[in-house]
């Protein structure tokens, strides 16, 4: 007879789209992410914390963000928003705000968040997902490559106030048969 399941198996994180009532959790996890990994985002903690509550309510209500919840606490975030820079061609989404609490890294949760965002996009008619990853974030690049993304060769500054810090674009097509590649 075996004992109780380990904590990590008993309380597997649940990934779901945000609703308006999640706005405070969305704000909290976004600010925590920007505090713990400030170089990974195109915005700053100062800018994100200065946003009015109504903006976080709007973002949560839009359903573009997904949160990973464990024990009633958000432990991961990702968003899939329309890609305003997409040329004519397939409908494209932009994967943003990707972050997983350090205690859950290496657990597969990040890949689950990416796949959930891609599935959400696919259901909405998106056929291609793009993202930007800082050139020195090798762990994130490996994650995205494992999820089927490939570098496009495009680079840009992460933020206008830090033109020497670069990020690279990655893209992935999604279809009804897209699956996680590991």
N, C-alpha and C. Protein backbone atom coordinates (compact mmCIF):
# COMPACT_ATOMS: atom_id res chain seq x y z
N UNK A 1 0.84 -1.17 0.00
CA UNK A 1 0.00 0.00 0.00
C UNK A 1 0.89 1.24 0.00
N UNK A 2 0.56 2.20 -0.83
CA UNK A 2 1.38 3.40 -0.90
C UNK A 2 0.80 4.49 -0.02
N UNK A 3 1.66 5.44 0.34
CA UNK A 3 1.25 6.56 1.19
C UNK A 3 0.54 7.62 0.38
N UNK A 4 0.28 8.75 0.99
CA UNK A 4 -0.40 9.84 0.27
C UNK A 4 0.47 10.37 -0.87
N UNK A 5 -0.20 10.91 -1.86
CA UNK A 5 0.51 11.48 -3.01
C UNK A 5 1.35 12.66 -2.56
N UNK A 6 2.51 12.84 -3.16
CA UNK A 6 3.32 14.02 -2.82
C UNK A 6 2.51 15.30 -3.07
N UNK A 7 2.86 16.35 -2.35
CA UNK A 7 2.17 17.64 -2.46
C UNK A 7 2.04 18.08 -3.91
N UNK A 8 3.11 17.91 -4.70
CA UNK A 8 3.10 18.39 -6.08
C UNK A 8 2.07 17.64 -6.92
N UNK A 9 1.73 16.40 -6.56
CA UNK A 9 0.74 15.66 -7.32
C UNK A 9 -0.67 15.89 -6.80
N UNK A 10 -0.81 16.12 -5.51
CA UNK A 10 -2.13 16.33 -4.91
C UNK A 10 -2.72 17.67 -5.33
N UNK A 11 -1.89 18.65 -5.48
CA UNK A 11 -2.38 20.01 -5.73
C UNK A 11 -1.78 20.56 -7.01
N UNK A 12 -2.04 19.86 -8.12
CA UNK A 12 -1.55 20.27 -9.43
C UNK A 12 -2.14 21.64 -9.79
N UNK A 13 -1.31 22.58 -10.25
CA UNK A 13 -1.85 23.89 -10.63
C UNK A 13 -2.93 23.77 -11.71
N UNK A 14 -3.92 24.63 -11.62
CA UNK A 14 -5.01 24.70 -12.57
C UNK A 14 -4.82 25.96 -13.40
N UNK A 15 -4.89 25.84 -14.71
CA UNK A 15 -4.74 26.97 -15.62
C UNK A 15 -6.11 27.33 -16.15
N UNK A 16 -6.46 28.63 -16.05
CA UNK A 16 -7.74 29.07 -16.59
C UNK A 16 -7.67 30.54 -17.00
N UNK A 17 -8.58 30.92 -17.91
CA UNK A 17 -8.71 32.31 -18.35
C UNK A 17 -9.17 33.16 -17.19
N UNK A 18 -8.74 34.41 -17.22
CA UNK A 18 -9.20 35.33 -16.18
C UNK A 18 -10.62 35.81 -16.47
N UNK A 19 -11.28 36.17 -15.39
CA UNK A 19 -12.58 36.84 -15.44
C UNK A 19 -12.41 38.11 -14.62
N UNK A 20 -13.37 39.01 -14.72
CA UNK A 20 -13.23 40.31 -14.07
C UNK A 20 -12.90 40.19 -12.58
N UNK A 21 -13.44 39.19 -11.90
CA UNK A 21 -13.19 39.02 -10.48
C UNK A 21 -11.76 38.64 -10.14
N UNK A 22 -10.96 38.30 -11.16
CA UNK A 22 -9.56 37.93 -10.96
C UNK A 22 -8.61 39.12 -11.04
N UNK A 23 -9.13 40.33 -11.17
CA UNK A 23 -8.27 41.47 -11.45
C UNK A 23 -7.20 41.69 -10.39
N UNK A 24 -7.52 41.49 -9.12
CA UNK A 24 -6.52 41.71 -8.07
C UNK A 24 -5.42 40.64 -8.13
N UNK A 25 -5.80 39.41 -8.42
CA UNK A 25 -4.81 38.34 -8.55
C UNK A 25 -3.94 38.59 -9.78
N UNK A 26 -4.55 39.04 -10.87
CA UNK A 26 -3.80 39.36 -12.09
C UNK A 26 -2.78 40.46 -11.80
N UNK A 27 -3.20 41.50 -11.12
CA UNK A 27 -2.30 42.59 -10.76
C UNK A 27 -1.18 42.08 -9.85
N UNK A 28 -1.53 41.30 -8.85
CA UNK A 28 -0.53 40.81 -7.88
C UNK A 28 0.52 39.93 -8.55
N UNK A 29 0.09 39.01 -9.40
CA UNK A 29 1.07 38.11 -10.02
C UNK A 29 1.91 38.86 -11.05
N UNK A 30 1.33 39.80 -11.75
CA UNK A 30 2.10 40.61 -12.71
C UNK A 30 3.18 41.42 -11.99
N UNK A 31 2.82 42.04 -10.89
CA UNK A 31 3.81 42.83 -10.14
C UNK A 31 4.87 41.94 -9.51
N UNK A 32 4.47 40.77 -9.03
CA UNK A 32 5.45 39.84 -8.46
C UNK A 32 6.42 39.38 -9.54
N UNK A 33 5.91 39.08 -10.71
CA UNK A 33 6.76 38.66 -11.83
C UNK A 33 7.77 39.75 -12.18
N UNK A 34 7.31 41.00 -12.23
CA UNK A 34 8.19 42.09 -12.60
C UNK A 34 9.19 42.43 -11.51
N UNK A 35 8.88 42.09 -10.28
CA UNK A 35 9.83 42.27 -9.18
C UNK A 35 10.90 41.20 -9.23
N UNK A 36 10.49 39.95 -9.46
CA UNK A 36 11.43 38.84 -9.42
C UNK A 36 12.26 38.70 -10.69
N UNK A 37 11.69 39.06 -11.84
CA UNK A 37 12.39 38.91 -13.12
C UNK A 37 12.22 40.17 -13.96
N UNK A 38 12.73 41.31 -13.48
CA UNK A 38 12.47 42.58 -14.17
C UNK A 38 12.98 42.65 -15.60
N UNK A 39 14.05 41.95 -15.93
CA UNK A 39 14.61 42.03 -17.27
C UNK A 39 13.84 41.26 -18.32
N UNK A 40 12.86 40.48 -17.90
CA UNK A 40 12.13 39.63 -18.84
C UNK A 40 10.92 40.31 -19.47
N UNK A 41 10.64 41.53 -19.07
CA UNK A 41 9.41 42.18 -19.52
C UNK A 41 9.68 43.48 -20.26
N UNK A 42 8.79 43.80 -21.16
CA UNK A 42 8.90 45.03 -21.93
C UNK A 42 8.39 46.25 -21.19
N UNK A 43 7.88 46.05 -19.99
CA UNK A 43 7.43 47.14 -19.15
C UNK A 43 8.24 47.10 -17.86
N UNK A 44 7.93 47.99 -16.96
CA UNK A 44 8.63 48.02 -15.68
C UNK A 44 7.64 47.87 -14.54
N UNK A 45 8.16 47.49 -13.38
CA UNK A 45 7.32 47.37 -12.19
C UNK A 45 6.68 48.73 -11.88
N UNK A 46 7.44 49.79 -12.02
CA UNK A 46 6.91 51.12 -11.72
C UNK A 46 5.72 51.45 -12.61
N UNK A 47 5.83 51.17 -13.91
CA UNK A 47 4.72 51.45 -14.82
C UNK A 47 3.52 50.56 -14.53
N UNK A 48 3.78 49.27 -14.30
CA UNK A 48 2.68 48.33 -14.05
C UNK A 48 1.98 48.63 -12.73
N UNK A 49 2.72 49.05 -11.73
CA UNK A 49 2.09 49.34 -10.44
C UNK A 49 1.33 50.66 -10.47
N UNK A 50 1.66 51.53 -11.42
CA UNK A 50 0.96 52.81 -11.52
C UNK A 50 -0.35 52.72 -12.31
N UNK A 51 -0.58 51.58 -12.97
CA UNK A 51 -1.83 51.43 -13.72
C UNK A 51 -3.01 51.46 -12.76
N UNK A 52 -4.09 52.10 -13.14
CA UNK A 52 -5.27 52.15 -12.26
C UNK A 52 -5.93 50.77 -12.17
N UNK A 53 -6.63 50.56 -11.07
CA UNK A 53 -7.35 49.29 -10.87
C UNK A 53 -8.25 48.97 -12.05
N UNK A 54 -8.85 50.01 -12.63
CA UNK A 54 -9.77 49.79 -13.75
C UNK A 54 -9.07 49.13 -14.93
N UNK A 55 -7.79 49.42 -15.15
CA UNK A 55 -7.06 48.78 -16.24
C UNK A 55 -6.89 47.29 -15.97
N UNK A 56 -6.60 46.93 -14.72
CA UNK A 56 -6.49 45.50 -14.39
C UNK A 56 -7.85 44.81 -14.47
N UNK A 57 -8.92 45.51 -14.12
CA UNK A 57 -10.27 44.95 -14.29
C UNK A 57 -10.54 44.69 -15.77
N UNK A 58 -10.18 45.66 -16.61
CA UNK A 58 -10.39 45.51 -18.06
C UNK A 58 -9.60 44.33 -18.60
N UNK A 59 -8.34 44.23 -18.20
CA UNK A 59 -7.49 43.13 -18.67
C UNK A 59 -8.03 41.78 -18.22
N UNK A 60 -8.45 41.69 -16.97
CA UNK A 60 -8.99 40.43 -16.46
C UNK A 60 -10.28 40.07 -17.20
N UNK A 61 -11.13 41.04 -17.43
CA UNK A 61 -12.41 40.80 -18.09
C UNK A 61 -12.23 40.40 -19.55
N UNK A 62 -11.15 40.85 -20.18
CA UNK A 62 -10.95 40.56 -21.60
C UNK A 62 -10.72 39.07 -21.84
N UNK A 63 -10.27 38.35 -20.83
CA UNK A 63 -10.00 36.93 -20.99
C UNK A 63 -8.74 36.62 -21.78
N UNK A 64 -7.95 37.65 -22.12
CA UNK A 64 -6.71 37.42 -22.86
C UNK A 64 -5.63 36.81 -21.98
N UNK A 65 -5.74 36.99 -20.67
CA UNK A 65 -4.75 36.45 -19.73
C UNK A 65 -5.22 35.11 -19.18
N UNK A 66 -4.25 34.26 -18.93
CA UNK A 66 -4.51 33.01 -18.24
C UNK A 66 -3.65 33.01 -16.99
N UNK A 67 -4.21 32.52 -15.90
CA UNK A 67 -3.46 32.38 -14.66
C UNK A 67 -3.39 30.91 -14.30
N UNK A 68 -2.26 30.52 -13.73
CA UNK A 68 -2.11 29.19 -13.13
C UNK A 68 -2.32 29.37 -11.65
N UNK A 69 -3.24 28.59 -11.09
CA UNK A 69 -3.59 28.69 -9.68
C UNK A 69 -3.17 27.42 -8.96
N UNK A 70 -2.61 27.59 -7.78
CA UNK A 70 -2.31 26.46 -6.91
C UNK A 70 -2.66 26.87 -5.49
N UNK A 71 -3.53 26.11 -4.86
CA UNK A 71 -3.92 26.42 -3.50
C UNK A 71 -4.55 27.79 -3.35
N UNK A 72 -5.26 28.26 -4.37
CA UNK A 72 -5.92 29.55 -4.30
C UNK A 72 -5.03 30.73 -4.59
N UNK A 73 -3.76 30.48 -4.92
CA UNK A 73 -2.81 31.56 -5.22
C UNK A 73 -2.36 31.47 -6.68
N UNK A 74 -2.24 32.61 -7.36
CA UNK A 74 -1.72 32.57 -8.73
C UNK A 74 -0.21 32.31 -8.72
N UNK A 75 0.22 31.32 -9.51
CA UNK A 75 1.64 30.96 -9.55
C UNK A 75 2.22 31.06 -10.96
N UNK A 76 1.42 31.55 -11.90
CA UNK A 76 1.90 31.70 -13.26
C UNK A 76 0.93 32.56 -14.06
N UNK A 77 1.44 33.14 -15.12
CA UNK A 77 0.64 34.03 -15.97
C UNK A 77 1.15 33.96 -17.40
N UNK A 78 0.24 34.14 -18.32
CA UNK A 78 0.55 34.32 -19.73
C UNK A 78 -0.64 35.04 -20.35
N UNK A 79 -0.40 35.76 -21.43
CA UNK A 79 -1.49 36.42 -22.15
C UNK A 79 -1.27 36.20 -23.64
N UNK A 80 -2.37 36.12 -24.36
CA UNK A 80 -2.33 36.07 -25.82
C UNK A 80 -3.21 37.20 -26.32
N UNK A 81 -2.57 38.18 -26.95
CA UNK A 81 -3.27 39.37 -27.43
C UNK A 81 -3.13 39.45 -28.95
N UNK A 82 -4.02 40.18 -29.61
CA UNK A 82 -3.87 40.35 -31.06
C UNK A 82 -2.53 41.00 -31.37
N UNK A 83 -1.87 40.55 -32.42
CA UNK A 83 -0.59 41.11 -32.82
C UNK A 83 -0.85 42.27 -33.77
N UNK A 84 -0.72 43.48 -33.25
CA UNK A 84 -0.99 44.68 -34.05
C UNK A 84 0.01 44.89 -35.17
N UNK A 85 1.18 44.22 -35.09
CA UNK A 85 2.20 44.38 -36.13
C UNK A 85 2.09 43.33 -37.24
N UNK A 86 1.13 42.43 -37.14
CA UNK A 86 1.01 41.36 -38.14
C UNK A 86 0.65 41.94 -39.50
N UNK A 87 1.36 41.44 -40.53
CA UNK A 87 1.04 41.84 -41.89
C UNK A 87 -0.17 41.04 -42.34
N UNK A 88 -0.58 41.25 -43.59
CA UNK A 88 -1.67 40.43 -44.14
C UNK A 88 -1.23 38.98 -44.12
N UNK A 89 -2.16 38.11 -44.00
CA UNK A 89 -1.85 36.69 -43.94
C UNK A 89 -2.61 36.06 -42.79
N UNK A 90 -2.04 35.04 -42.18
CA UNK A 90 -2.78 34.35 -41.12
C UNK A 90 -3.01 35.25 -39.92
N UNK A 91 -4.13 35.04 -39.26
CA UNK A 91 -4.40 35.80 -38.03
C UNK A 91 -3.33 35.43 -37.03
N UNK A 92 -2.75 36.43 -36.39
CA UNK A 92 -1.64 36.17 -35.49
C UNK A 92 -1.91 36.75 -34.11
N UNK A 93 -1.54 35.98 -33.10
CA UNK A 93 -1.60 36.42 -31.72
C UNK A 93 -0.19 36.65 -31.21
N UNK A 94 -0.08 37.45 -30.17
CA UNK A 94 1.21 37.75 -29.56
C UNK A 94 1.18 37.24 -28.13
N UNK A 95 2.07 36.32 -27.82
CA UNK A 95 2.19 35.75 -26.48
C UNK A 95 3.00 36.72 -25.64
N UNK A 96 2.43 37.18 -24.52
CA UNK A 96 3.10 38.15 -23.66
C UNK A 96 2.94 37.76 -22.20
N UNK A 97 3.62 38.49 -21.35
CA UNK A 97 3.46 38.40 -19.89
C UNK A 97 3.78 37.02 -19.32
N UNK A 98 4.55 36.20 -20.02
CA UNK A 98 4.82 34.83 -19.58
C UNK A 98 5.70 34.84 -18.34
N UNK A 99 5.24 34.16 -17.30
CA UNK A 99 6.02 34.05 -16.07
C UNK A 99 5.47 32.91 -15.21
N UNK A 100 6.38 32.18 -14.57
CA UNK A 100 6.03 31.11 -13.63
C UNK A 100 6.82 31.34 -12.35
N UNK A 101 6.14 31.22 -11.23
CA UNK A 101 6.79 31.35 -9.93
C UNK A 101 8.00 30.41 -9.87
N UNK A 102 9.13 30.87 -9.33
CA UNK A 102 10.33 30.03 -9.29
C UNK A 102 10.12 28.65 -8.64
N UNK A 103 9.22 28.54 -7.69
CA UNK A 103 8.95 27.25 -7.05
C UNK A 103 8.32 26.24 -8.00
N UNK A 104 7.80 26.71 -9.13
CA UNK A 104 7.13 25.82 -10.08
C UNK A 104 7.88 25.67 -11.40
N UNK A 105 9.04 26.28 -11.50
CA UNK A 105 9.83 26.15 -12.72
C UNK A 105 10.39 24.73 -12.81
N UNK A 106 10.43 24.22 -14.02
CA UNK A 106 10.91 22.86 -14.24
C UNK A 106 9.83 21.80 -14.03
N UNK A 107 8.62 22.23 -13.70
CA UNK A 107 7.52 21.29 -13.44
C UNK A 107 6.67 21.01 -14.67
N UNK A 108 6.89 21.74 -15.74
CA UNK A 108 6.05 21.62 -16.93
C UNK A 108 4.92 22.65 -16.96
N UNK A 109 4.80 23.45 -15.89
CA UNK A 109 3.73 24.43 -15.83
C UNK A 109 3.88 25.50 -16.92
N UNK A 110 5.08 25.94 -17.18
CA UNK A 110 5.29 26.97 -18.21
C UNK A 110 4.79 26.46 -19.57
N UNK A 111 5.13 25.23 -19.92
CA UNK A 111 4.66 24.67 -21.19
C UNK A 111 3.14 24.54 -21.20
N UNK A 112 2.54 24.19 -20.06
CA UNK A 112 1.08 24.12 -19.98
C UNK A 112 0.46 25.49 -20.23
N UNK A 113 1.05 26.54 -19.67
CA UNK A 113 0.54 27.90 -19.90
C UNK A 113 0.64 28.27 -21.37
N UNK A 114 1.78 28.00 -22.00
CA UNK A 114 1.97 28.31 -23.42
C UNK A 114 0.94 27.57 -24.25
N UNK A 115 0.78 26.27 -23.99
CA UNK A 115 -0.16 25.47 -24.77
C UNK A 115 -1.60 25.92 -24.55
N UNK A 116 -1.94 26.31 -23.33
CA UNK A 116 -3.29 26.81 -23.05
C UNK A 116 -3.55 28.10 -23.81
N UNK A 117 -2.56 28.99 -23.87
CA UNK A 117 -2.71 30.23 -24.62
C UNK A 117 -2.86 29.95 -26.11
N UNK A 118 -2.07 29.01 -26.64
CA UNK A 118 -2.18 28.65 -28.06
C UNK A 118 -3.55 28.03 -28.35
N UNK A 119 -4.03 27.18 -27.45
CA UNK A 119 -5.35 26.57 -27.64
C UNK A 119 -6.45 27.63 -27.62
N UNK A 120 -6.31 28.59 -26.73
CA UNK A 120 -7.27 29.69 -26.66
C UNK A 120 -7.25 30.48 -27.97
N UNK A 121 -6.05 30.75 -28.48
CA UNK A 121 -5.94 31.45 -29.76
C UNK A 121 -6.54 30.66 -30.91
N UNK A 122 -6.23 29.38 -30.95
CA UNK A 122 -6.76 28.51 -32.00
C UNK A 122 -8.29 28.55 -32.00
N UNK A 123 -8.89 28.49 -30.81
CA UNK A 123 -10.35 28.54 -30.69
C UNK A 123 -10.90 29.87 -31.19
N UNK A 124 -10.10 30.92 -31.13
CA UNK A 124 -10.52 32.24 -31.60
C UNK A 124 -10.13 32.53 -33.04
N UNK A 125 -9.59 31.55 -33.75
CA UNK A 125 -9.25 31.73 -35.15
C UNK A 125 -7.82 32.14 -35.42
N UNK A 126 -7.00 32.20 -34.39
CA UNK A 126 -5.59 32.54 -34.58
C UNK A 126 -4.88 31.34 -35.22
N UNK A 127 -4.04 31.60 -36.20
CA UNK A 127 -3.32 30.53 -36.90
C UNK A 127 -1.81 30.59 -36.69
N UNK A 128 -1.34 31.69 -36.08
CA UNK A 128 0.09 31.83 -35.82
C UNK A 128 0.26 32.64 -34.54
N UNK A 129 1.22 32.22 -33.73
CA UNK A 129 1.52 32.93 -32.49
C UNK A 129 2.97 33.39 -32.55
N UNK A 130 3.19 34.65 -32.20
CA UNK A 130 4.53 35.22 -32.13
C UNK A 130 4.82 35.59 -30.68
N UNK A 131 6.09 35.72 -30.37
CA UNK A 131 6.51 36.18 -29.05
C UNK A 131 7.89 36.79 -29.18
N UNK A 132 8.28 37.53 -28.16
CA UNK A 132 9.62 38.12 -28.10
C UNK A 132 10.29 37.62 -26.84
N UNK A 133 11.53 37.16 -26.96
CA UNK A 133 12.29 36.65 -25.82
C UNK A 133 13.64 37.35 -25.79
N UNK A 134 14.06 37.78 -24.60
CA UNK A 134 15.36 38.45 -24.50
C UNK A 134 16.46 37.49 -24.94
N UNK A 135 17.47 38.04 -25.61
CA UNK A 135 18.48 37.17 -26.24
C UNK A 135 19.28 36.38 -25.23
N UNK A 136 19.33 36.82 -23.98
CA UNK A 136 20.10 36.10 -22.98
C UNK A 136 19.24 35.22 -22.06
N UNK A 137 17.97 35.06 -22.39
CA UNK A 137 17.09 34.21 -21.58
C UNK A 137 17.03 32.82 -22.21
N UNK A 138 18.09 32.05 -21.98
CA UNK A 138 18.23 30.74 -22.62
C UNK A 138 17.18 29.74 -22.16
N UNK A 139 16.80 29.80 -20.89
CA UNK A 139 15.78 28.88 -20.38
C UNK A 139 14.44 29.12 -21.09
N UNK A 140 14.07 30.38 -21.26
CA UNK A 140 12.81 30.69 -21.94
C UNK A 140 12.89 30.26 -23.40
N UNK A 141 14.00 30.48 -24.04
CA UNK A 141 14.14 30.07 -25.44
C UNK A 141 13.97 28.57 -25.58
N UNK A 142 14.60 27.79 -24.67
CA UNK A 142 14.45 26.33 -24.70
C UNK A 142 12.98 25.93 -24.51
N UNK A 143 12.31 26.60 -23.58
CA UNK A 143 10.89 26.32 -23.37
C UNK A 143 10.11 26.55 -24.66
N UNK A 144 10.29 27.70 -25.28
CA UNK A 144 9.53 28.03 -26.48
C UNK A 144 9.89 27.10 -27.63
N UNK A 145 11.16 26.76 -27.78
CA UNK A 145 11.54 25.80 -28.82
C UNK A 145 10.87 24.46 -28.58
N UNK A 146 10.80 24.03 -27.32
CA UNK A 146 10.13 22.78 -26.97
C UNK A 146 8.63 22.81 -27.25
N UNK A 147 8.09 24.01 -27.30
CA UNK A 147 6.66 24.19 -27.61
C UNK A 147 6.43 24.46 -29.10
N UNK A 148 7.48 24.31 -29.90
CA UNK A 148 7.33 24.44 -31.34
C UNK A 148 7.61 25.80 -31.94
N UNK A 149 8.11 26.74 -31.16
CA UNK A 149 8.43 28.06 -31.69
C UNK A 149 9.82 28.05 -32.31
N UNK A 150 10.03 28.89 -33.31
CA UNK A 150 11.33 29.01 -33.97
C UNK A 150 11.68 30.49 -34.12
N UNK A 151 12.97 30.77 -34.04
CA UNK A 151 13.45 32.15 -34.22
C UNK A 151 13.17 32.61 -35.64
N UNK A 152 12.82 33.89 -35.79
CA UNK A 152 12.55 34.45 -37.12
C UNK A 152 13.71 35.27 -37.65
N UNK A 153 14.66 35.64 -36.78
CA UNK A 153 15.76 36.49 -37.19
C UNK A 153 15.53 37.97 -36.89
N UNK A 154 14.32 38.32 -36.49
CA UNK A 154 14.01 39.72 -36.14
C UNK A 154 14.46 39.99 -34.71
N UNK A 155 15.06 41.17 -34.51
CA UNK A 155 15.49 41.62 -33.18
C UNK A 155 15.02 43.06 -32.98
N UNK A 156 14.85 43.41 -31.70
CA UNK A 156 14.49 44.78 -31.35
C UNK A 156 14.91 45.03 -29.91
N UNK A 157 14.94 46.30 -29.53
CA UNK A 157 15.22 46.66 -28.14
C UNK A 157 14.04 46.23 -27.28
N UNK A 158 14.32 45.74 -26.08
CA UNK A 158 13.26 45.34 -25.16
C UNK A 158 12.41 46.54 -24.79
N UNK A 159 13.09 47.65 -24.47
CA UNK A 159 12.41 48.89 -24.09
C UNK A 159 13.18 50.06 -24.69
N UNK A 160 12.46 51.12 -24.98
CA UNK A 160 13.10 52.31 -25.55
C UNK A 160 14.12 52.91 -24.59
N UNK A 161 13.89 52.76 -23.28
CA UNK A 161 14.82 53.33 -22.30
C UNK A 161 16.05 52.45 -22.07
N UNK A 162 16.12 51.30 -22.76
CA UNK A 162 17.27 50.39 -22.64
C UNK A 162 17.57 49.80 -24.02
N UNK A 163 18.04 50.65 -24.96
CA UNK A 163 18.20 50.20 -26.34
C UNK A 163 19.26 49.12 -26.56
N UNK A 164 20.14 48.90 -25.57
CA UNK A 164 21.17 47.87 -25.73
C UNK A 164 20.69 46.47 -25.34
N UNK A 165 19.57 46.39 -24.66
CA UNK A 165 19.02 45.09 -24.25
C UNK A 165 18.08 44.62 -25.36
N UNK A 166 18.43 43.51 -25.99
CA UNK A 166 17.70 43.06 -27.18
C UNK A 166 16.84 41.84 -26.90
N UNK A 167 15.80 41.72 -27.72
CA UNK A 167 14.96 40.54 -27.71
C UNK A 167 14.78 40.06 -29.15
N UNK A 168 14.49 38.76 -29.28
CA UNK A 168 14.32 38.14 -30.58
C UNK A 168 12.90 37.62 -30.73
N UNK A 169 12.42 37.68 -31.95
CA UNK A 169 11.08 37.18 -32.22
C UNK A 169 11.13 35.67 -32.48
N UNK A 170 10.12 34.98 -31.98
CA UNK A 170 9.90 33.57 -32.28
C UNK A 170 8.44 33.44 -32.74
N UNK A 171 8.19 32.46 -33.61
CA UNK A 171 6.83 32.23 -34.10
C UNK A 171 6.54 30.74 -34.15
N UNK A 172 5.24 30.46 -34.11
CA UNK A 172 4.76 29.08 -34.21
C UNK A 172 3.40 29.12 -34.88
N UNK A 173 3.21 28.26 -35.86
CA UNK A 173 1.88 28.09 -36.43
C UNK A 173 1.06 27.21 -35.49
N UNK A 174 -0.22 27.45 -35.46
CA UNK A 174 -1.10 26.56 -34.69
C UNK A 174 -2.24 26.13 -35.58
N UNK A 175 -2.61 24.89 -35.44
CA UNK A 175 -3.71 24.34 -36.22
C UNK A 175 -4.49 23.41 -35.31
N UNK A 176 -5.48 22.81 -35.85
CA UNK A 176 -6.30 21.89 -35.06
C UNK A 176 -5.49 20.71 -34.54
N UNK A 177 -4.35 20.42 -35.18
CA UNK A 177 -3.57 19.26 -34.76
C UNK A 177 -2.29 19.61 -34.03
N UNK A 178 -2.06 20.91 -33.72
CA UNK A 178 -0.85 21.30 -33.00
C UNK A 178 -0.79 20.63 -31.65
N UNK A 179 0.38 20.11 -31.32
CA UNK A 179 0.59 19.49 -30.01
C UNK A 179 1.93 19.93 -29.46
N UNK A 180 2.11 19.76 -28.19
CA UNK A 180 3.36 20.09 -27.54
C UNK A 180 4.45 19.18 -28.07
N UNK A 181 5.58 19.77 -28.43
CA UNK A 181 6.74 19.00 -28.91
C UNK A 181 7.77 18.98 -27.81
N UNK A 182 8.03 17.82 -27.30
CA UNK A 182 9.02 17.68 -26.24
C UNK A 182 9.98 16.59 -26.57
